[in-house]
Amino acid sequence: MHLMAAMSHMSRIIVKLGGGLITDKSQYRQVRMDHVDAVSAVIKEMKDSGYSVIIVHGAGSFGHLEARKWKLSEGYDQEISEEQSNAISRVRSDMDDLNEYVVTSLMNVGIECEVMPPREWATGVGVEFQGDLDSFTRDPRQPIPITFGDVVDTADDTRFGILSGDHIMVRLGCEVPDVSACIFLLGDVDGLMDSPPNESGSVLLPTWKLDEGFSKSHNPDVDVTGGIMLKAHCASLIARRVEDVWLLNGTVPSRMLTVVSKDDTIGTRVLH
C-alpha cells in the first residue's frame, strides 16, 4: 500500500508533439509515423519508470490548411458561414484521424490512452479558455490522457475558434498537480535558435527567457496558431510554475529521458 501511495505521487510529465514533428506540413494529411513511433517508445520508458504522462499534439498538415482557407481562427463570418461550417467538420475529422495515428502508435507499445478532444470539454480560445482539467490528473496505472489543438465553441459573437495545443499546455502545466517537466517536441530543430534554423551560422540557445530575443521564423501560409513564437511564449508562462520546461528536437526523443533524469541535454531550457 505504501508503495502504491508513493507511485501515485510520482512526477507528472506533459509532452507536446508538435504538428511539424508528427506530420509533413508541406503535404496535406501526411503523417510521419517514424517520428510518432520513436516518441511512443520513449513515453513507454517514462511510464514504465512510474511517471504519469499527459500528451498534447498539434495539427500540422491535418488541420492548418483548411482552417486557414476558411479563417476559422477568426471566428464566424456570415458571408462564408456555410463553407466555415463544412470546414469545421473537416478539420475536426482530420484531427480525429491524426489522433488515431498517435493513439495506435502508443497502443502498439502497450500504452492505453483516453482521448479527450477539446471540443468536448473546452469553450473559448487562448490561455483563458474555459474547461475542466481535473480529469487529466491520473494515477500512473490509469490510461494516459491525450488531447490536441481543435476547433472549439466560443461564448461570444465569434461562435467558434481554434484552441491551440500550446495554450492547452499552459493550463495543464500550471493547474495539474505534481508536474515536474513540460516538454515541447519540435520537428527537425534542436530548440530555439538565435536566427532562422535554415540560415548558416544559426546557433542553438541552451537557455531562454521571455525578455531575450530569438529567431521568430514561422510560415503564416502553413501555420495558423503562431509557430515557434507561440511555443516559446507559452513555455515561458509554464516556467513560472514548472521547474523543467524544454523545447527539444522530437526526432531525437531520447533527450526527453535526459530531461526527466535532471541531466543537461541538447535543447533549449525555458527559464522564468
Protein backbone atom coordinates (compact mmCIF):
# COMPACT_ATOMS: atom_id res chain seq x y z
CA MET A 1 0.00 0.00 0.00
CA HIS A 2 2.83 2.35 0.90
CA LEU A 3 4.48 1.71 -2.48
CA MET A 4 1.23 2.42 -4.31
CA ALA A 5 0.78 5.67 -2.40
CA ALA A 6 4.28 6.69 -3.38
CA MET A 7 3.61 5.76 -7.01
CA SER A 8 0.50 7.91 -7.15
CA HIS A 9 2.62 10.94 -6.25
CA MET A 10 5.28 10.23 -8.84
CA SER A 11 6.13 13.16 -11.04
CA ARG A 12 3.93 14.06 -13.98
CA ILE A 13 5.41 14.76 -17.41
CA ILE A 14 3.47 16.70 -20.06
CA VAL A 15 4.63 16.17 -23.63
CA LYS A 16 3.60 18.26 -26.66
CA LEU A 17 4.09 16.54 -30.01
CA GLY A 18 4.41 19.42 -32.44
CA GLY A 19 2.48 19.30 -35.70
CA GLY A 20 5.73 19.82 -37.59
CA LEU A 21 7.16 16.69 -35.94
CA ILE A 22 4.32 14.24 -36.48
CA THR A 23 3.24 15.40 -39.95
CA ASP A 24 4.87 16.63 -43.12
CA LYS A 25 3.50 20.16 -43.15
CA SER A 26 4.10 20.53 -46.87
CA GLN A 27 1.69 17.72 -47.74
CA TYR A 28 -1.98 17.57 -46.76
CA ARG A 29 -2.71 14.79 -44.23
CA GLN A 30 0.79 13.28 -44.39
CA VAL A 31 1.67 11.69 -41.05
CA ARG A 32 5.29 10.91 -40.04
CA MET A 33 4.79 7.54 -38.34
CA ASP A 34 8.55 7.04 -37.90
CA HIS A 35 8.62 10.14 -35.68
CA VAL A 36 5.44 9.18 -33.82
CA ASP A 37 6.64 5.64 -33.13
CA ALA A 38 10.03 6.83 -31.86
CA VAL A 39 8.34 9.18 -29.39
CA SER A 40 5.90 6.46 -28.29
CA ALA A 41 8.79 4.17 -27.38
CA VAL A 42 10.34 6.82 -25.13
CA ILE A 43 6.99 7.64 -23.50
CA LYS A 44 6.68 3.92 -22.73
CA GLU A 45 10.06 4.05 -20.96
CA MET A 46 8.93 7.02 -18.87
CA LYS A 47 5.64 5.33 -17.99
CA ASP A 48 7.43 2.09 -17.07
CA SER A 49 9.60 4.15 -14.70
CA GLY A 50 6.44 5.20 -12.85
CA TYR A 51 5.86 8.65 -14.28
CA SER A 52 2.39 9.93 -15.06
CA VAL A 53 2.25 11.26 -18.61
CA ILE A 54 -0.12 13.65 -20.38
CA ILE A 55 0.13 14.02 -24.16
CA VAL A 56 -0.92 17.00 -26.27
CA HIS A 57 -0.38 17.06 -30.01
CA GLY A 58 -0.57 19.63 -32.77
CA ALA A 59 -2.38 19.58 -36.08
CA GLY A 60 0.35 20.01 -38.65
CA SER A 61 -0.89 19.33 -42.16
CA PHE A 62 -4.11 17.75 -40.84
CA GLY A 63 -5.78 20.93 -39.65
CA HIS A 64 -3.99 24.12 -40.61
CA LEU A 65 -4.68 24.26 -44.33
CA GLU A 66 -8.48 24.10 -44.15
CA ALA A 67 -8.53 26.26 -41.04
CA ARG A 68 -6.54 28.98 -42.74
CA LYS A 69 -8.51 28.85 -46.00
CA TRP A 70 -11.83 29.48 -44.22
CA LYS A 71 -10.45 31.79 -41.49
CA LEU A 72 -11.60 29.54 -38.66
CA SER A 73 -9.21 31.19 -36.20
CA GLU A 74 -11.05 34.49 -36.78
CA GLY A 75 -14.45 33.03 -35.92
CA TYR A 76 -17.84 33.30 -37.59
CA ASP A 77 -18.10 35.15 -40.90
CA GLN A 78 -21.65 35.44 -42.19
CA GLU A 79 -20.57 35.66 -45.83
CA ILE A 80 -18.86 32.26 -45.74
CA SER A 81 -20.78 30.67 -42.87
CA GLU A 82 -21.78 27.56 -44.80
CA GLU A 83 -18.23 26.95 -46.01
CA GLN A 84 -16.95 27.53 -42.47
CA SER A 85 -19.42 25.03 -41.05
CA ASN A 86 -18.27 22.40 -43.53
CA ALA A 87 -14.62 23.27 -42.85
CA ILE A 88 -15.11 22.84 -39.08
CA SER A 89 -16.43 19.33 -39.68
CA ARG A 90 -13.48 18.51 -41.93
CA VAL A 91 -10.87 19.91 -39.55
CA ARG A 92 -12.35 18.02 -36.60
CA SER A 93 -12.49 14.84 -38.65
CA ASP A 94 -8.86 15.38 -39.72
CA MET A 95 -7.81 15.90 -36.11
CA ASP A 96 -9.58 12.71 -35.04
CA ASP A 97 -7.77 10.86 -37.82
CA LEU A 98 -4.37 12.24 -36.82
CA ASN A 99 -5.09 11.46 -33.18
CA GLU A 100 -5.91 7.88 -34.15
CA TYR A 101 -2.45 7.50 -35.67
CA VAL A 102 -0.88 8.72 -32.40
CA VAL A 103 -3.09 6.52 -30.21
CA THR A 104 -2.43 3.44 -32.38
CA SER A 105 1.32 4.05 -32.09
CA LEU A 106 1.06 4.27 -28.30
CA MET A 107 -1.14 1.16 -28.13
CA ASN A 108 1.44 -0.73 -30.21
CA VAL A 109 4.00 -0.23 -27.42
CA GLY A 110 1.46 -1.17 -24.76
CA ILE A 111 0.18 2.21 -23.61
CA GLU A 112 -3.54 2.68 -23.01
CA CYS A 113 -4.91 6.15 -23.80
CA GLU A 114 -8.09 8.08 -23.22
CA VAL A 115 -8.74 10.61 -25.98
CA MET A 116 -10.12 13.94 -24.75
CA PRO A 117 -10.97 16.19 -27.74
CA PRO A 118 -11.18 19.85 -26.60
CA ARG A 119 -14.48 20.33 -28.47
CA GLU A 120 -16.00 18.10 -25.75
CA TRP A 121 -14.61 19.83 -22.65
CA ALA A 122 -13.36 23.33 -23.57
CA THR A 123 -15.02 26.61 -24.55
CA GLY A 124 -13.14 29.63 -25.85
CA VAL A 125 -9.64 30.13 -27.19
CA GLY A 126 -6.30 31.36 -25.89
CA VAL A 127 -4.87 30.75 -22.44
CA GLU A 128 -8.12 31.95 -20.84
CA PHE A 129 -10.29 29.17 -22.30
CA GLN A 130 -12.91 27.62 -20.01
CA GLY A 131 -12.71 23.90 -19.31
CA ASP A 132 -12.44 21.32 -16.54
CA LEU A 133 -8.90 19.98 -16.34
CA ASP A 134 -9.45 17.69 -13.33
CA SER A 135 -9.82 14.56 -15.44
CA PHE A 136 -6.25 14.99 -16.71
CA THR A 137 -4.95 14.12 -13.22
CA ARG A 138 -4.32 10.38 -13.36
CA ASP A 139 -2.65 7.66 -11.41
CA PRO A 140 0.27 6.20 -13.43
CA ARG A 141 -1.64 2.91 -13.76
CA GLN A 142 -4.61 4.55 -15.50
CA PRO A 143 -4.85 5.21 -19.27
CA ILE A 144 -2.91 8.34 -20.15
CA PRO A 145 -4.98 11.34 -21.29
CA ILE A 146 -4.30 12.64 -24.78
CA THR A 147 -5.67 15.83 -26.31
CA PHE A 148 -4.87 18.15 -29.20
CA GLY A 149 -5.43 21.50 -30.86
CA ASP A 150 -9.05 21.69 -32.03
CA VAL A 151 -11.90 23.85 -33.27
CA VAL A 152 -13.99 24.68 -30.20
CA ASP A 153 -17.13 26.69 -29.49
CA THR A 154 -16.76 30.17 -28.02
CA ALA A 155 -19.13 32.06 -25.74
CA ASP A 156 -19.20 35.29 -27.76
CA ASP A 157 -20.08 36.50 -31.26
CA THR A 158 -17.15 34.67 -32.82
CA ARG A 159 -19.11 31.41 -32.14
CA PHE A 160 -16.04 29.24 -32.67
CA GLY A 161 -12.28 29.41 -32.87
CA ILE A 162 -9.09 27.35 -32.79
CA LEU A 163 -7.81 26.33 -29.38
CA SER A 164 -4.07 25.75 -29.78
CA GLY A 165 -2.40 22.77 -28.18
CA ASP A 166 0.24 25.20 -26.88
CA HIS A 167 -2.40 27.09 -24.89
CA ILE A 168 -3.69 23.79 -23.52
CA MET A 169 -0.10 23.06 -22.44
CA VAL A 170 -0.01 26.29 -20.41
CA ARG A 171 -3.15 25.45 -18.46
CA LEU A 172 -2.16 21.83 -17.86
CA GLY A 173 1.35 22.83 -16.80
CA CYS A 174 0.09 25.46 -14.38
CA GLU A 175 -3.02 23.73 -12.97
CA VAL A 176 -2.47 19.96 -12.91
CA PRO A 177 -0.66 18.81 -9.72
CA ASP A 178 2.82 17.22 -9.49
CA VAL A 179 4.08 18.37 -12.90
CA SER A 180 7.88 18.15 -12.90
CA ALA A 181 8.52 18.67 -16.62
CA CYS A 182 6.80 20.10 -19.70
CA ILE A 183 8.47 19.17 -22.97
CA PHE A 184 7.69 20.67 -26.38
CA LEU A 185 8.91 18.36 -29.15
CA LEU A 186 9.83 20.21 -32.34
CA GLY A 187 10.39 18.82 -35.82
CA ASP A 188 14.00 18.67 -37.05
CA VAL A 189 15.36 21.57 -34.98
CA ASP A 190 17.19 21.25 -31.65
CA GLY A 191 15.36 24.09 -29.87
CA LEU A 192 15.19 27.86 -30.13
CA MET A 193 17.82 29.29 -32.46
CA ASP A 194 19.36 32.77 -32.48
CA SER A 195 18.44 33.14 -36.17
CA PRO A 196 16.26 31.15 -38.60
CA PRO A 197 17.33 27.47 -38.43
CA ASN A 198 17.85 27.24 -42.20
CA GLU A 199 20.39 30.09 -42.15
CA SER A 200 24.05 29.08 -41.94
CA GLY A 201 25.57 30.03 -38.61
CA SER A 202 22.34 29.88 -36.60
CA VAL A 203 23.15 28.79 -33.04
CA LEU A 204 21.05 26.89 -30.51
CA LEU A 205 20.07 28.85 -27.40
CA PRO A 206 20.67 26.44 -24.45
CA THR A 207 18.51 28.60 -22.17
CA TRP A 208 15.96 31.29 -22.95
CA LYS A 209 13.82 33.80 -21.08
CA LEU A 210 10.87 35.75 -22.43
CA ASP A 211 12.77 39.05 -22.37
CA GLU A 212 15.51 37.66 -24.63
CA GLY A 213 15.33 37.68 -28.40
CA PHE A 214 15.41 34.73 -30.76
CA SER A 215 14.57 33.91 -34.36
CA LYS A 216 10.86 34.49 -34.90
CA SER A 217 10.63 32.49 -38.10
CA HIS A 218 7.36 30.78 -38.87
CA ASN A 219 5.37 30.36 -42.02
CA PRO A 220 1.97 32.10 -41.89
CA ASP A 221 0.95 30.25 -45.05
CA VAL A 222 1.07 26.95 -43.19
CA ASP A 223 0.75 27.76 -39.51
CA VAL A 224 -2.42 29.40 -38.16
CA THR A 225 -1.56 29.23 -34.46
CA GLY A 226 1.70 31.14 -34.22
CA GLY A 227 4.53 28.62 -34.70
CA ILE A 228 7.71 28.86 -32.66
CA MET A 229 6.84 32.30 -31.23
CA LEU A 230 3.73 30.92 -29.58
CA LYS A 231 5.53 27.85 -28.26
CA ALA A 232 8.27 29.95 -26.68
CA HIS A 233 5.79 32.34 -25.10
CA CYS A 234 3.64 29.51 -23.75
CA ALA A 235 6.72 27.71 -22.42
CA SER A 236 7.74 30.86 -20.54
CA LEU A 237 4.31 31.02 -18.88
CA ILE A 238 4.64 27.40 -17.77
CA ALA A 239 8.16 28.05 -16.43
CA ARG A 240 6.62 30.20 -13.68
CA ARG A 241 5.25 27.01 -12.13
CA VAL A 242 7.26 24.10 -13.53
CA GLU A 243 10.98 23.60 -12.96
CA ASP A 244 11.87 21.84 -16.21
CA VAL A 245 10.37 23.36 -19.36
CA TRP A 246 12.19 22.39 -22.53
CA LEU A 247 11.98 22.73 -26.30
CA LEU A 248 13.62 19.63 -27.78
CA ASN A 249 14.22 18.04 -31.16
CA GLY A 250 11.43 15.46 -31.37
CA THR A 251 13.37 13.42 -33.93
CA VAL A 252 15.76 12.55 -31.08
CA PRO A 253 13.14 11.72 -28.41
CA SER A 254 15.64 10.01 -26.10
CA ARG A 255 16.57 13.54 -24.97
CA MET A 256 13.31 13.51 -23.01
CA LEU A 257 14.79 10.84 -20.73
CA THR A 258 17.78 13.08 -20.05
CA VAL A 259 15.45 15.94 -19.05
CA VAL A 260 13.38 13.68 -16.80
CA SER A 261 16.54 12.40 -15.07
CA LYS A 262 17.54 16.03 -14.42
CA ASP A 263 20.63 15.94 -16.62
CA ASP A 264 21.54 18.54 -19.22
CA THR A 265 20.73 17.73 -22.81
CA ILE A 266 20.79 19.32 -26.26
CA GLY A 267 17.80 21.64 -26.41
CA THR A 268 16.50 24.94 -25.02
CA ARG A 269 15.55 25.12 -21.37
CA VAL A 270 13.00 27.90 -20.88
CA LEU A 271 13.51 29.87 -17.67
CA HIS A 272 11.22 32.23 -15.84
